[in-house]
């Protein structure tokens, strides 16, 4: 393995977004990055540290996905309401 790589971790809620840049060893997985994030940024919301899913540039990935230099790891949260249901309710009004 070579030297460390840089990845960006993103988490957003309705009124705020968090962004962190991490240097991780080459070959690290999304789970490794999340564990490092939890150690280095304990001030992040608990929902971010236990995400409903993970994505790299908007494409859902498994926690075992190896990351590459420059990747943007997105921490996904569960939606508060089903978008289809909300759209139907608005249309019915």
C-alpha atoms as a PDB file:
ATOM      1  CA  UNK A   1       0.000   0.000   0.000  1.00  0.00           C
ATOM      2  CA  UNK A   2       1.151   3.515  -0.658  1.00  0.00           C
ATOM      3  CA  UNK A   3       0.807   6.639   1.471  1.00  0.00           C
ATOM      4  CA  UNK A   4      -2.377   8.180   2.774  1.00  0.00           C
ATOM      5  CA  UNK A   5      -5.198   9.345   0.549  1.00  0.00           C
ATOM      6  CA  UNK A   6      -7.586  12.239   1.161  1.00  0.00           C
ATOM      7  CA  UNK A   7     -11.337  11.743   1.223  1.00  0.00           C
ATOM      8  CA  UNK A   8     -14.142  14.122   2.070  1.00  0.00           C
ATOM      9  CA  UNK A   9     -17.014  13.134   4.345  1.00  0.00           C
ATOM     10  CA  UNK A  10     -20.340  14.943   3.982  1.00  0.00           C
ATOM     11  CA  UNK A  11     -23.481  14.862   6.121  1.00  0.00           C
ATOM     12  CA  UNK A  12     -26.490  17.164   5.801  1.00  0.00           C
ATOM     13  CA  UNK A  13     -29.626  17.830   7.757  1.00  0.00           C
ATOM     14  CA  UNK A  14     -32.392  20.254   6.934  1.00  0.00           C
ATOM     15  CA  UNK A  15     -30.725  23.350   8.400  1.00  0.00           C
ATOM     16  CA  UNK A  16     -27.047  22.428   8.509  1.00  0.00           C
ATOM     17  CA  UNK A  17     -24.333  20.524   6.691  1.00  0.00           C
ATOM     18  CA  UNK A  18     -21.046  19.096   7.957  1.00  0.00           C
ATOM     19  CA  UNK A  19     -17.910  18.474   5.913  1.00  0.00           C
ATOM     20  CA  UNK A  20     -14.627  16.923   6.977  1.00  0.00           C
ATOM     21  CA  UNK A  21     -11.471  16.070   5.110  1.00  0.00           C
ATOM     22  CA  UNK A  22      -9.742  12.887   6.264  1.00  0.00           C
ATOM     23  CA  UNK A  23      -6.347  11.423   5.460  1.00  0.00           C
ATOM     24  CA  UNK A  24      -6.713   7.645   5.496  1.00  0.00           C
ATOM     25  CA  UNK A  25      -4.370   4.817   4.469  1.00  0.00           C
ATOM     26  CA  UNK A  26      -4.708   3.681   0.855  1.00  0.00           C
ATOM     27  CA  UNK A  27      -7.038   0.692   0.652  1.00  0.00           C
ATOM     28  CA  UNK A  28      -9.258   1.890   3.518  1.00  0.00           C
ATOM     29  CA  UNK A  29     -12.971   1.209   3.279  1.00  0.00           C
ATOM     30  CA  UNK A  30     -15.956   3.458   3.878  1.00  0.00           C
ATOM     31  CA  UNK A  31     -16.353   1.817   7.309  1.00  0.00           C
ATOM     32  CA  UNK A  32     -12.725   2.650   8.139  1.00  0.00           C
ATOM     33  CA  UNK A  33     -13.312   6.291   7.211  1.00  0.00           C
ATOM     34  CA  UNK A  34     -16.483   6.387   9.312  1.00  0.00           C
ATOM     35  CA  UNK A  35     -14.635   4.948  12.333  1.00  0.00           C
ATOM     36  CA  UNK A  36     -11.881   7.559  11.957  1.00  0.00           C
ATOM     37  CA  UNK A  37     -14.484  10.297  11.612  1.00  0.00           C
ATOM     38  CA  UNK A  38     -16.135   9.202  14.878  1.00  0.00           C
ATOM     39  CA  UNK A  39     -12.778   9.396  16.690  1.00  0.00           C
ATOM     40  CA  UNK A  40     -11.712  12.743  15.224  1.00  0.00           C
ATOM     41  CA  UNK A  41     -15.084  14.519  15.162  1.00  0.00           C
ATOM     42  CA  UNK A  42     -17.162  13.449  18.189  1.00  0.00           C
ATOM     43  CA  UNK A  43     -19.085  16.741  17.848  1.00  0.00           C
ATOM     44  CA  UNK A  44     -20.837  15.492  14.692  1.00  0.00           C
ATOM     45  CA  UNK A  45     -24.493  14.416  15.168  1.00  0.00           C
ATOM     46  CA  UNK A  46     -25.026  10.826  16.294  1.00  0.00           C
ATOM     47  CA  UNK A  47     -27.153  10.216  13.193  1.00  0.00           C
ATOM     48  CA  UNK A  48     -24.104  10.971  11.056  1.00  0.00           C
ATOM     49  CA  UNK A  49     -21.951   8.523  12.986  1.00  0.00           C
ATOM     50  CA  UNK A  50     -24.551   5.761  12.484  1.00  0.00           C
ATOM     51  CA  UNK A  51     -25.861   6.526   8.982  1.00  0.00           C
ATOM     52  CA  UNK A  52     -28.774   4.772   7.301  1.00  0.00           C
ATOM     53  CA  UNK A  53     -26.542   4.323   4.248  1.00  0.00           C
ATOM     54  CA  UNK A  54     -23.347   5.399   2.541  1.00  0.00           C
ATOM     55  CA  UNK A  55     -22.736   6.823  -0.912  1.00  0.00           C
ATOM     56  CA  UNK A  56     -19.751   7.956  -2.948  1.00  0.00           C
ATOM     57  CA  UNK A  57     -20.661  10.810  -5.285  1.00  0.00           C
ATOM     58  CA  UNK A  58     -24.360   9.964  -4.951  1.00  0.00           C
ATOM     59  CA  UNK A  59     -24.032   6.245  -5.687  1.00  0.00           C
ATOM     60  CA  UNK A  60     -24.911   4.002  -2.767  1.00  0.00           C
ATOM     61  CA  UNK A  61     -22.024   1.803  -1.609  1.00  0.00           C
ATOM     62  CA  UNK A  62     -21.459  -0.877   1.006  1.00  0.00           C
ATOM     63  CA  UNK A  63     -19.383  -0.163   4.102  1.00  0.00           C
ATOM     64  CA  UNK A  64     -16.769  -2.519   2.641  1.00  0.00           C
ATOM     65  CA  UNK A  65     -16.275  -0.301  -0.427  1.00  0.00           C
ATOM     66  CA  UNK A  66     -12.616   0.724  -0.781  1.00  0.00           C
ATOM     67  CA  UNK A  67     -12.193   4.473  -1.108  1.00  0.00           C
ATOM     68  CA  UNK A  68      -9.933   6.306  -3.533  1.00  0.00           C
ATOM     69  CA  UNK A  69      -8.099   9.611  -3.336  1.00  0.00           C
ATOM     70  CA  UNK A  70     -10.548  12.502  -3.669  1.00  0.00           C
ATOM     71  CA  UNK A  71     -13.718  10.466  -3.043  1.00  0.00           C
ATOM     72  CA  UNK A  72     -16.669  12.228  -1.413  1.00  0.00           C
ATOM     73  CA  UNK A  73     -18.215   9.865   1.128  1.00  0.00           C
ATOM     74  CA  UNK A  74     -21.803  10.881   1.822  1.00  0.00           C
ATOM     75  CA  UNK A  75     -23.466   9.783   5.044  1.00  0.00           C
ATOM     76  CA  UNK A  76     -27.123   9.149   4.279  1.00  0.00           C
ATOM     77  CA  UNK A  77     -30.004   9.528   6.673  1.00  0.00           C
ATOM     78  CA  UNK A  78     -33.487   8.113   6.517  1.00  0.00           C
ATOM     79  CA  UNK A  79     -36.041  10.454   4.957  1.00  0.00           C
ATOM     80  CA  UNK A  80     -38.604  11.772   7.456  1.00  0.00           C
ATOM     81  CA  UNK A  81     -41.461  11.085   5.000  1.00  0.00           C
ATOM     82  CA  UNK A  82     -41.892   9.085   1.835  1.00  0.00           C
ATOM     83  CA  UNK A  83     -41.506  11.553  -1.089  1.00  0.00           C
ATOM     84  CA  UNK A  84     -44.198   9.821  -3.176  1.00  0.00           C
ATOM     85  CA  UNK A  85     -46.666   9.943  -0.328  1.00  0.00           C
ATOM     86  CA  UNK A  86     -45.914  13.625   0.342  1.00  0.00           C
ATOM     87  CA  UNK A  87     -46.375  14.474  -3.357  1.00  0.00           C
ATOM     88  CA  UNK A  88     -49.719  12.676  -3.456  1.00  0.00           C
ATOM     89  CA  UNK A  89     -50.889  14.503  -0.332  1.00  0.00           C
ATOM     90  CA  UNK A  90     -49.954  17.880  -1.857  1.00  0.00           C
ATOM     91  CA  UNK A  91     -51.718  17.004  -5.094  1.00  0.00           C
ATOM     92  CA  UNK A  92     -54.853  15.952  -3.209  1.00  0.00           C
ATOM     93  CA  UNK A  93     -55.025  19.363  -1.515  1.00  0.00           C
END
